[in-house]
């Protein structure tokens, strides 16, 4: 699944003429392109999809969305360790086949 996830901008810089940010998604920090939101500032929240900040979001809405995503496991699916998830899935499948 590929989600649009809210994150908090923790740093901004320009790389090769492109505005970029470091964005914190509840503990996971990633580089994000700000081409669509060049006016966003450090401390603000943005919805990020496939590495691009696409919309500014207020803090209350961002935190509520992050809590919901965490509760349903979407953050782990989006940001967790892909190898650990694959191993866990591989272990679970044989159990289901034995039922």
PDB file of N, CA and C in Angstrom:
ATOM      1  N   UNK A   1       0.846  -1.166   0.000  1.00  0.00           N
ATOM      2  CA  UNK A   1       0.000   0.000   0.000  1.00  0.00           C
ATOM      3  C   UNK A   1       0.893   1.231   0.000  1.00  0.00           C
ATOM      4  N   UNK A   2       0.460   2.256  -0.654  1.00  0.00           N
ATOM      5  CA  UNK A   2       1.203   3.505  -0.679  1.00  0.00           C
ATOM      6  C   UNK A   2       0.269   4.606  -0.176  1.00  0.00           C
ATOM      7  N   UNK A   3       0.580   5.118   1.004  1.00  0.00           N
ATOM      8  CA  UNK A   3      -0.275   6.117   1.647  1.00  0.00           C
ATOM      9  C   UNK A   3       0.254   7.527   1.451  1.00  0.00           C
ATOM     10  N   UNK A   4      -0.617   8.484   1.566  1.00  0.00           N
ATOM     11  CA  UNK A   4      -0.223   9.872   1.752  1.00  0.00           C
ATOM     12  C   UNK A   4      -0.236  10.081   3.266  1.00  0.00           C
ATOM     13  N   UNK A   5       0.928  10.369   3.837  1.00  0.00           N
ATOM     14  CA  UNK A   5       1.098  10.380   5.290  1.00  0.00           C
ATOM     15  C   UNK A   5       1.498  11.779   5.757  1.00  0.00           C
ATOM     16  N   UNK A   6       0.893  12.260   6.847  1.00  0.00           N
ATOM     17  CA  UNK A   6       1.308  13.550   7.385  1.00  0.00           C
ATOM     18  C   UNK A   6       2.621  13.432   8.154  1.00  0.00           C
ATOM     19  N   UNK A   7       3.446  14.450   8.001  1.00  0.00           N
ATOM     20  CA  UNK A   7       4.708  14.496   8.726  1.00  0.00           C
ATOM     21  C   UNK A   7       5.071  15.925   9.058  1.00  0.00           C
ATOM     22  N   UNK A   8       5.943  16.078  10.048  1.00  0.00           N
ATOM     23  CA  UNK A   8       6.372  17.408  10.512  1.00  0.00           C
ATOM     24  C   UNK A   8       7.705  17.761   9.877  1.00  0.00           C
ATOM     25  N   UNK A   9       7.785  18.920   9.270  1.00  0.00           N
ATOM     26  CA  UNK A   9       9.015  19.386   8.648  1.00  0.00           C
ATOM     27  C   UNK A   9      10.004  19.756   9.752  1.00  0.00           C
ATOM     28  N   UNK A  10      11.173  19.117   9.748  1.00  0.00           N
ATOM     29  CA  UNK A  10      12.178  19.383  10.778  1.00  0.00           C
ATOM     30  C   UNK A  10      13.416  20.072  10.222  1.00  0.00           C
ATOM     31  N   UNK A  11      13.516  20.177   8.917  1.00  0.00           N
ATOM     32  CA  UNK A  11      14.641  20.869   8.299  1.00  0.00           C
ATOM     33  C   UNK A  11      14.359  21.116   6.827  1.00  0.00           C
ATOM     34  N   UNK A  12      14.900  22.224   6.315  1.00  0.00           N
ATOM     35  CA  UNK A  12      14.697  22.580   4.910  1.00  0.00           C
ATOM     36  C   UNK A  12      16.044  22.981   4.321  1.00  0.00           C
ATOM     37  N   UNK A  13      16.272  22.552   3.070  1.00  0.00           N
ATOM     38  CA  UNK A  13      17.474  22.942   2.350  1.00  0.00           C
ATOM     39  C   UNK A  13      17.181  22.904   0.852  1.00  0.00           C
ATOM     40  N   UNK A  14      18.099  23.416   0.077  1.00  0.00           N
ATOM     41  CA  UNK A  14      17.965  23.343  -1.365  1.00  0.00           C
ATOM     42  C   UNK A  14      19.037  22.399  -1.890  1.00  0.00           C
ATOM     43  N   UNK A  15      18.635  21.493  -2.775  1.00  0.00           N
ATOM     44  CA  UNK A  15      19.582  20.569  -3.394  1.00  0.00           C
ATOM     45  C   UNK A  15      19.460  20.674  -4.905  1.00  0.00           C
ATOM     46  N   UNK A  16      20.506  21.095  -5.529  1.00  0.00           N
ATOM     47  CA  UNK A  16      20.524  21.244  -6.987  1.00  0.00           C
ATOM     48  C   UNK A  16      19.335  22.061  -7.486  1.00  0.00           C
ATOM     49  N   UNK A  17      19.003  23.135  -6.755  1.00  0.00           N
ATOM     50  CA  UNK A  17      17.920  24.016  -7.146  1.00  0.00           C
ATOM     51  C   UNK A  17      16.528  23.547  -6.764  1.00  0.00           C
ATOM     52  N   UNK A  18      16.439  22.420  -6.052  1.00  0.00           N
ATOM     53  CA  UNK A  18      15.140  21.874  -5.651  1.00  0.00           C
ATOM     54  C   UNK A  18      14.962  22.030  -4.153  1.00  0.00           C
ATOM     55  N   UNK A  19      13.856  22.614  -3.696  1.00  0.00           N
ATOM     56  CA  UNK A  19      13.626  22.711  -2.253  1.00  0.00           C
ATOM     57  C   UNK A  19      13.318  21.321  -1.677  1.00  0.00           C
ATOM     58  N   UNK A  20      14.038  20.965  -0.633  1.00  0.00           N
ATOM     59  CA  UNK A  20      13.895  19.657   0.004  1.00  0.00           C
ATOM     60  C   UNK A  20      13.721  19.847   1.504  1.00  0.00           C
ATOM     61  N   UNK A  21      13.121  18.849   2.145  1.00  0.00           N
ATOM     62  CA  UNK A  21      12.921  18.896   3.594  1.00  0.00           C
ATOM     63  C   UNK A  21      13.243  17.543   4.201  1.00  0.00           C
ATOM     64  N   UNK A  22      13.594  17.593   5.481  1.00  0.00           N
ATOM     65  CA  UNK A  22      13.644  16.390   6.302  1.00  0.00           C
ATOM     66  C   UNK A  22      12.305  16.410   7.030  1.00  0.00           C
ATOM     67  N   UNK A  23      11.548  15.314   6.910  1.00  0.00           N
ATOM     68  CA  UNK A  23      10.210  15.256   7.479  1.00  0.00           C
ATOM     69  C   UNK A  23      10.131  14.086   8.439  1.00  0.00           C
ATOM     70  N   UNK A  24       9.610  14.361   9.634  1.00  0.00           N
ATOM     71  CA  UNK A  24       9.469  13.349  10.697  1.00  0.00           C
ATOM     72  C   UNK A  24       8.053  12.791  10.662  1.00  0.00           C
ATOM     73  N   UNK A  25       7.968  11.486  10.437  1.00  0.00           N
ATOM     74  CA  UNK A  25       6.685  10.780  10.408  1.00  0.00           C
ATOM     75  C   UNK A  25       6.547   9.961  11.686  1.00  0.00           C
ATOM     76  N   UNK A  26       6.386  10.627  12.803  1.00  0.00           N
ATOM     77  CA  UNK A  26       6.221   9.915  14.061  1.00  0.00           C
ATOM     78  C   UNK A  26       7.437   9.097  14.458  1.00  0.00           C
ATOM     79  N   UNK A  27       8.630   9.612  14.183  1.00  0.00           N
ATOM     80  CA  UNK A  27       9.861   8.927  14.560  1.00  0.00           C
ATOM     81  C   UNK A  27      10.685   8.449  13.384  1.00  0.00           C
ATOM     82  N   UNK A  28      10.103   8.334  12.226  1.00  0.00           N
ATOM     83  CA  UNK A  28      10.820   7.975  11.006  1.00  0.00           C
ATOM     84  C   UNK A  28      11.039   9.260  10.225  1.00  0.00           C
ATOM     85  N   UNK A  29      12.313   9.599   9.951  1.00  0.00           N
ATOM     86  CA  UNK A  29      12.626  10.843   9.248  1.00  0.00           C
ATOM     87  C   UNK A  29      13.092  10.512   7.833  1.00  0.00           C
ATOM     88  N   UNK A  30      12.476  11.186   6.867  1.00  0.00           N
ATOM     89  CA  UNK A  30      12.784  10.943   5.458  1.00  0.00           C
ATOM     90  C   UNK A  30      12.987  12.264   4.725  1.00  0.00           C
ATOM     91  N   UNK A  31      13.713  12.190   3.606  1.00  0.00           N
ATOM     92  CA  UNK A  31      13.862  13.341   2.724  1.00  0.00           C
ATOM     93  C   UNK A  31      12.626  13.446   1.841  1.00  0.00           C
ATOM     94  N   UNK A  32      12.142  14.678   1.680  1.00  0.00           N
ATOM     95  CA  UNK A  32      10.912  14.929   0.929  1.00  0.00           C
ATOM     96  C   UNK A  32      11.125  16.133   0.019  1.00  0.00           C
ATOM     97  N   UNK A  33      10.623  16.048  -1.195  1.00  0.00           N
ATOM     98  CA  UNK A  33      10.696  17.158  -2.138  1.00  0.00           C
ATOM     99  C   UNK A  33       9.594  18.171  -1.827  1.00  0.00           C
ATOM    100  N   UNK A  34       9.974  19.450  -1.820  1.00  0.00           N
ATOM    101  CA  UNK A  34       9.021  20.534  -1.540  1.00  0.00           C
ATOM    102  C   UNK A  34       8.633  21.311  -2.794  1.00  0.00           C
ATOM    103  N   UNK A  35       8.808  20.737  -3.965  1.00  0.00           N
ATOM    104  CA  UNK A  35       8.516  21.458  -5.205  1.00  0.00           C
ATOM    105  C   UNK A  35       7.078  21.968  -5.252  1.00  0.00           C
ATOM    106  N   UNK A  36       6.141  21.228  -4.655  1.00  0.00           N
ATOM    107  CA  UNK A  36       4.737  21.636  -4.674  1.00  0.00           C
ATOM    108  C   UNK A  36       4.362  22.532  -3.491  1.00  0.00           C
ATOM    109  N   UNK A  37       5.213  22.578  -2.467  1.00  0.00           N
ATOM    110  CA  UNK A  37       4.958  23.413  -1.276  1.00  0.00           C
ATOM    111  C   UNK A  37       6.231  24.167  -0.871  1.00  0.00           C
ATOM    112  N   UNK A  38       6.798  24.962  -1.751  1.00  0.00           N
ATOM    113  CA  UNK A  38       8.070  25.611  -1.416  1.00  0.00           C
ATOM    114  C   UNK A  38       7.969  26.612  -0.267  1.00  0.00           C
ATOM    115  N   UNK A  39       6.756  27.068   0.060  1.00  0.00           N
ATOM    116  CA  UNK A  39       6.583  28.072   1.118  1.00  0.00           C
ATOM    117  C   UNK A  39       6.432  27.466   2.515  1.00  0.00           C
ATOM    118  N   UNK A  40       6.378  26.134   2.639  1.00  0.00           N
ATOM    119  CA  UNK A  40       6.209  25.507   3.954  1.00  0.00           C
ATOM    120  C   UNK A  40       7.430  25.803   4.828  1.00  0.00           C
ATOM    121  N   UNK A  41       7.218  25.862   6.134  1.00  0.00           N
ATOM    122  CA  UNK A  41       8.279  26.218   7.067  1.00  0.00           C
ATOM    123  C   UNK A  41       8.541  25.086   8.055  1.00  0.00           C
ATOM    124  N   UNK A  42       9.730  25.116   8.647  1.00  0.00           N
ATOM    125  CA  UNK A  42      10.091  24.150   9.687  1.00  0.00           C
ATOM    126  C   UNK A  42       9.058  24.237  10.804  1.00  0.00           C
ATOM    127  N   UNK A  43       8.598  23.081  11.270  1.00  0.00           N
ATOM    128  CA  UNK A  43       7.605  23.007  12.330  1.00  0.00           C
ATOM    129  C   UNK A  43       6.192  22.787  11.817  1.00  0.00           C
ATOM    130  N   UNK A  44       5.963  23.049  10.534  1.00  0.00           N
ATOM    131  CA  UNK A  44       4.635  22.833   9.958  1.00  0.00           C
ATOM    132  C   UNK A  44       4.502  21.372   9.519  1.00  0.00           C
ATOM    133  N   UNK A  45       3.266  20.966   9.312  1.00  0.00           N
ATOM    134  CA  UNK A  45       2.961  19.603   8.870  1.00  0.00           C
ATOM    135  C   UNK A  45       2.542  19.610   7.415  1.00  0.00           C
ATOM    136  N   UNK A  46       2.908  18.537   6.714  1.00  0.00           N
ATOM    137  CA  UNK A  46       2.516  18.375   5.316  1.00  0.00           C
ATOM    138  C   UNK A  46       2.076  16.940   5.083  1.00  0.00           C
ATOM    139  N   UNK A  47       1.183  16.768   4.146  1.00  0.00           N
ATOM    140  CA  UNK A  47       0.836  15.426   3.678  1.00  0.00           C
ATOM    141  C   UNK A  47       1.852  15.082   2.599  1.00  0.00           C
ATOM    142  N   UNK A  48       2.467  13.918   2.736  1.00  0.00           N
ATOM    143  CA  UNK A  48       3.518  13.494   1.817  1.00  0.00           C
ATOM    144  C   UNK A  48       3.080  12.227   1.097  1.00  0.00           C
ATOM    145  N   UNK A  49       3.242  12.238  -0.217  1.00  0.00           N
ATOM    146  CA  UNK A  49       2.916  11.066  -1.033  1.00  0.00           C
ATOM    147  C   UNK A  49       4.068  10.818  -1.989  1.00  0.00           C
ATOM    148  N   UNK A  50       4.556   9.606  -2.006  1.00  0.00           N
ATOM    149  CA  UNK A  50       5.683   9.152  -2.835  1.00  0.00           C
ATOM    150  C   UNK A  50       6.837  10.159  -2.851  1.00  0.00           C
ATOM    151  N   UNK A  51       7.177  10.680  -1.672  1.00  0.00           N
ATOM    152  CA  UNK A  51       8.331  11.546  -1.538  1.00  0.00           C
ATOM    153  C   UNK A  51       8.101  13.020  -1.836  1.00  0.00           C
ATOM    154  N   UNK A  52       6.857  13.412  -2.095  1.00  0.00           N
ATOM    155  CA  UNK A  52       6.536  14.809  -2.382  1.00  0.00           C
ATOM    156  C   UNK A  52       5.546  15.339  -1.356  1.00  0.00           C
ATOM    157  N   UNK A  53       5.854  16.509  -0.782  1.00  0.00           N
ATOM    158  CA  UNK A  53       4.897  17.199   0.080  1.00  0.00           C
ATOM    159  C   UNK A  53       3.838  17.785  -0.841  1.00  0.00           C
ATOM    160  N   UNK A  54       2.570  17.388  -0.619  1.00  0.00           N
ATOM    161  CA  UNK A  54       1.522  17.799  -1.556  1.00  0.00           C
ATOM    162  C   UNK A  54       0.484  18.744  -0.955  1.00  0.00           C
ATOM    163  N   UNK A  55       0.447  18.839   0.388  1.00  0.00           N
ATOM    164  CA  UNK A  55      -0.538  19.726   1.009  1.00  0.00           C
ATOM    165  C   UNK A  55      -0.120  20.031   2.439  1.00  0.00           C
ATOM    166  N   UNK A  56      -0.323  21.273   2.861  1.00  0.00           N
ATOM    167  CA  UNK A  56      -0.081  21.673   4.248  1.00  0.00           C
ATOM    168  C   UNK A  56      -1.245  21.150   5.087  1.00  0.00           C
ATOM    169  N   UNK A  57      -0.962  20.809   6.352  1.00  0.00           N
ATOM    170  CA  UNK A  57      -1.973  20.251   7.242  1.00  0.00           C
ATOM    171  C   UNK A  57      -1.759  20.821   8.634  1.00  0.00           C
ATOM    172  N   UNK A  58      -2.855  21.114   9.344  1.00  0.00           N
ATOM    173  CA  UNK A  58      -2.710  21.622  10.705  1.00  0.00           C
ATOM    174  C   UNK A  58      -2.245  20.492  11.631  1.00  0.00           C
ATOM    175  N   UNK A  59      -1.599  20.869  12.730  1.00  0.00           N
ATOM    176  CA  UNK A  59      -1.006  19.900  13.644  1.00  0.00           C
ATOM    177  C   UNK A  59      -2.031  18.927  14.221  1.00  0.00           C
ATOM    178  N   UNK A  60      -3.182  19.423  14.629  1.00  0.00           N
ATOM    179  CA  UNK A  60      -4.203  18.568  15.236  1.00  0.00           C
ATOM    180  C   UNK A  60      -4.641  17.460  14.269  1.00  0.00           C
ATOM    181  N   UNK A  61      -4.904  17.834  13.029  1.00  0.00           N
ATOM    182  CA  UNK A  61      -5.312  16.841  12.025  1.00  0.00           C
ATOM    183  C   UNK A  61      -4.189  15.864  11.719  1.00  0.00           C
ATOM    184  N   UNK A  62      -2.969  16.376  11.638  1.00  0.00           N
ATOM    185  CA  UNK A  62      -1.818  15.509  11.351  1.00  0.00           C
ATOM    186  C   UNK A  62      -1.631  14.470  12.453  1.00  0.00           C
ATOM    187  N   UNK A  63      -1.674  14.898  13.703  1.00  0.00           N
ATOM    188  CA  UNK A  63      -1.466  13.964  14.818  1.00  0.00           C
ATOM    189  C   UNK A  63      -2.609  12.963  14.930  1.00  0.00           C
ATOM    190  N   UNK A  64      -3.830  13.410  14.689  1.00  0.00           N
ATOM    191  CA  UNK A  64      -4.971  12.486  14.722  1.00  0.00           C
ATOM    192  C   UNK A  64      -4.827  11.425  13.631  1.00  0.00           C
ATOM    193  N   UNK A  65      -4.400  11.837  12.463  1.00  0.00           N
ATOM    194  CA  UNK A  65      -4.212  10.887  11.356  1.00  0.00           C
ATOM    195  C   UNK A  65      -3.090   9.916  11.665  1.00  0.00           C
ATOM    196  N   UNK A  66      -1.981  10.411  12.211  1.00  0.00           N
ATOM    197  CA  UNK A  66      -0.869   9.522  12.568  1.00  0.00           C
ATOM    198  C   UNK A  66      -1.295   8.495  13.618  1.00  0.00           C
ATOM    199  N   UNK A  67      -2.095   8.925  14.607  1.00  0.00           N
ATOM    200  CA  UNK A  67      -2.583   7.982  15.630  1.00  0.00           C
ATOM    201  C   UNK A  67      -3.469   6.912  14.996  1.00  0.00           C
ATOM    202  N   UNK A  68      -4.338   7.320  14.095  1.00  0.00           N
ATOM    203  CA  UNK A  68      -5.209   6.359  13.415  1.00  0.00           C
ATOM    204  C   UNK A  68      -4.386   5.390  12.576  1.00  0.00           C
ATOM    205  N   UNK A  69      -3.443   5.897  11.795  1.00  0.00           N
ATOM    206  CA  UNK A  69      -2.600   5.024  10.978  1.00  0.00           C
ATOM    207  C   UNK A  69      -1.828   4.039  11.845  1.00  0.00           C
ATOM    208  N   UNK A  70      -1.328   4.518  12.995  1.00  0.00           N
ATOM    209  CA  UNK A  70      -0.593   3.628  13.893  1.00  0.00           C
ATOM    210  C   UNK A  70      -1.517   2.542  14.435  1.00  0.00           C
ATOM    211  N   UNK A  71      -2.723   2.921  14.822  1.00  0.00           N
ATOM    212  CA  UNK A  71      -3.676   1.964  15.392  1.00  0.00           C
ATOM    213  C   UNK A  71      -4.033   0.858  14.394  1.00  0.00           C
ATOM    214  N   UNK A  72      -4.150   1.187  13.119  1.00  0.00           N
ATOM    215  CA  UNK A  72      -4.511   0.173  12.132  1.00  0.00           C
ATOM    216  C   UNK A  72      -3.289  -0.500  11.503  1.00  0.00           C
ATOM    217  N   UNK A  73      -2.086  -0.106  11.953  1.00  0.00           N
ATOM    218  CA  UNK A  73      -0.872  -0.745  11.458  1.00  0.00           C
ATOM    219  C   UNK A  73      -0.350  -0.197  10.149  1.00  0.00           C
ATOM    220  N   UNK A  74      -0.914   0.893   9.679  1.00  0.00           N
ATOM    221  CA  UNK A  74      -0.512   1.442   8.383  1.00  0.00           C
ATOM    222  C   UNK A  74       0.893   2.039   8.422  1.00  0.00           C
ATOM    223  N   UNK A  75       1.295   2.628   9.549  1.00  0.00           N
ATOM    224  CA  UNK A  75       2.634   3.210   9.621  1.00  0.00           C
ATOM    225  C   UNK A  75       3.698   2.138   9.568  1.00  0.00           C
ATOM    226  N   UNK A  76       3.472   1.042  10.267  1.00  0.00           N
ATOM    227  CA  UNK A  76       4.444  -0.046  10.215  1.00  0.00           C
ATOM    228  C   UNK A  76       4.536  -0.600   8.805  1.00  0.00           C
ATOM    229  N   UNK A  77       3.392  -0.717   8.144  1.00  0.00           N
ATOM    230  CA  UNK A  77       3.386  -1.231   6.774  1.00  0.00           C
ATOM    231  C   UNK A  77       4.118  -0.277   5.838  1.00  0.00           C
ATOM    232  N   UNK A  78       3.940   1.017   6.048  1.00  0.00           N
ATOM    233  CA  UNK A  78       4.546   2.009   5.174  1.00  0.00           C
ATOM    234  C   UNK A  78       6.024   2.246   5.493  1.00  0.00           C
ATOM    235  N   UNK A  79       6.385   2.265   6.798  1.00  0.00           N
ATOM    236  CA  UNK A  79       7.736   2.653   7.193  1.00  0.00           C
ATOM    237  C   UNK A  79       8.524   1.569   7.901  1.00  0.00           C
ATOM    238  N   UNK A  80       7.882   0.471   8.293  1.00  0.00           N
ATOM    239  CA  UNK A  80       8.578  -0.565   9.044  1.00  0.00           C
ATOM    240  C   UNK A  80       9.631  -1.276   8.225  1.00  0.00           C
ATOM    241  N   UNK A  81      10.306  -2.182   8.860  1.00  0.00           N
ATOM    242  CA  UNK A  81      11.364  -2.950   8.230  1.00  0.00           C
ATOM    243  C   UNK A  81      10.760  -3.960   7.256  1.00  0.00           C
ATOM    244  N   UNK A  82      10.961  -3.748   5.975  1.00  0.00           N
ATOM    245  CA  UNK A  82      10.366  -4.610   4.953  1.00  0.00           C
ATOM    246  C   UNK A  82      10.836  -6.055   5.085  1.00  0.00           C
ATOM    247  N   UNK A  83      12.092  -6.276   5.451  1.00  0.00           N
ATOM    248  CA  UNK A  83      12.605  -7.649   5.579  1.00  0.00           C
ATOM    249  C   UNK A  83      11.954  -8.360   6.751  1.00  0.00           C
ATOM    250  N   UNK A  84      11.768  -7.661   7.853  1.00  0.00           N
ATOM    251  CA  UNK A  84      11.115  -8.270   9.017  1.00  0.00           C
ATOM    252  C   UNK A  84       9.674  -8.613   8.689  1.00  0.00           C
ATOM    253  N   UNK A  85       8.976  -7.717   7.981  1.00  0.00           N
ATOM    254  CA  UNK A  85       7.593  -7.999   7.584  1.00  0.00           C
ATOM    255  C   UNK A  85       7.524  -9.206   6.661  1.00  0.00           C
ATOM    256  N   UNK A  86       8.454  -9.288   5.711  1.00  0.00           N
ATOM    257  CA  UNK A  86       8.456 -10.415   4.777  1.00  0.00           C
ATOM    258  C   UNK A  86       8.707 -11.721   5.513  1.00  0.00           C
ATOM    259  N   UNK A  87       9.624 -11.713   6.483  1.00  0.00           N
ATOM    260  CA  UNK A  87       9.911 -12.924   7.258  1.00  0.00           C
ATOM    261  C   UNK A  87       8.704 -13.327   8.093  1.00  0.00           C
ATOM    262  N   UNK A  88       8.058 -12.348   8.715  1.00  0.00           N
ATOM    263  CA  UNK A  88       6.878 -12.648   9.525  1.00  0.00           C
ATOM    264  C   UNK A  88       5.769 -13.209   8.654  1.00  0.00           C
ATOM    265  N   UNK A  89       5.592 -12.661   7.475  1.00  0.00           N
ATOM    266  CA  UNK A  89       4.561 -13.148   6.552  1.00  0.00           C
ATOM    267  C   UNK A  89       4.879 -14.573   6.111  1.00  0.00           C
ATOM    268  N   UNK A  90       6.146 -14.840   5.837  1.00  0.00           N
ATOM    269  CA  UNK A  90       6.547 -16.183   5.405  1.00  0.00           C
ATOM    270  C   UNK A  90       6.289 -17.211   6.502  1.00  0.00           C
ATOM    271  N   UNK A  91       6.482 -16.821   7.765  1.00  0.00           N
ATOM    272  CA  UNK A  91       6.223 -17.738   8.881  1.00  0.00           C
ATOM    273  C   UNK A  91       4.728 -17.962   9.077  1.00  0.00           C
ATOM    274  N   UNK A  92       3.934 -16.942   8.823  1.00  0.00           N
ATOM    275  CA  UNK A  92       2.492 -17.016   9.046  1.00  0.00           C
ATOM    276  C   UNK A  92       1.794 -17.861   7.982  1.00  0.00           C
ATOM    277  N   UNK A  93       2.247 -17.818   6.750  1.00  0.00           N
ATOM    278  CA  UNK A  93       1.581 -18.523   5.654  1.00  0.00           C
ATOM    279  C   UNK A  93       1.530 -20.029   5.876  1.00  0.00           C
ATOM    280  N   UNK A  94       2.630 -20.708   6.256  1.00  0.00           N
ATOM    281  CA  UNK A  94       2.526 -22.153   6.477  1.00  0.00           C
ATOM    282  C   UNK A  94       1.522 -22.517   7.571  1.00  0.00           C
ATOM    283  N   UNK A  95       1.424 -21.687   8.620  1.00  0.00           N
ATOM    284  CA  UNK A  95       0.449 -21.952   9.677  1.00  0.00           C
ATOM    285  C   UNK A  95      -0.970 -21.940   9.128  1.00  0.00           C
ATOM    286  N   UNK A  96      -1.258 -20.979   8.268  1.00  0.00           N
ATOM    287  CA  UNK A  96      -2.584 -20.873   7.670  1.00  0.00           C
ATOM    288  C   UNK A  96      -2.873 -22.041   6.743  1.00  0.00           C
ATOM    289  N   UNK A  97      -1.842 -22.544   6.053  1.00  0.00           N
ATOM    290  CA  UNK A  97      -2.022 -23.655   5.119  1.00  0.00           C
ATOM    291  C   UNK A  97      -2.338 -24.956   5.860  1.00  0.00           C
ATOM    292  N   UNK A  98      -1.902 -25.056   7.118  1.00  0.00           N
ATOM    293  CA  UNK A  98      -2.123 -26.277   7.924  1.00  0.00           C
ATOM    294  C   UNK A  98      -3.515 -26.336   8.541  1.00  0.00           C
ATOM    295  N   UNK A  99      -4.308 -25.292   8.389  1.00  0.00           N
ATOM    296  CA  UNK A  99      -5.631 -25.289   9.007  1.00  0.00           C
ATOM    297  C   UNK A  99      -6.612 -26.106   8.233  1.00  0.00           C
TER     298      UNK A  99
END
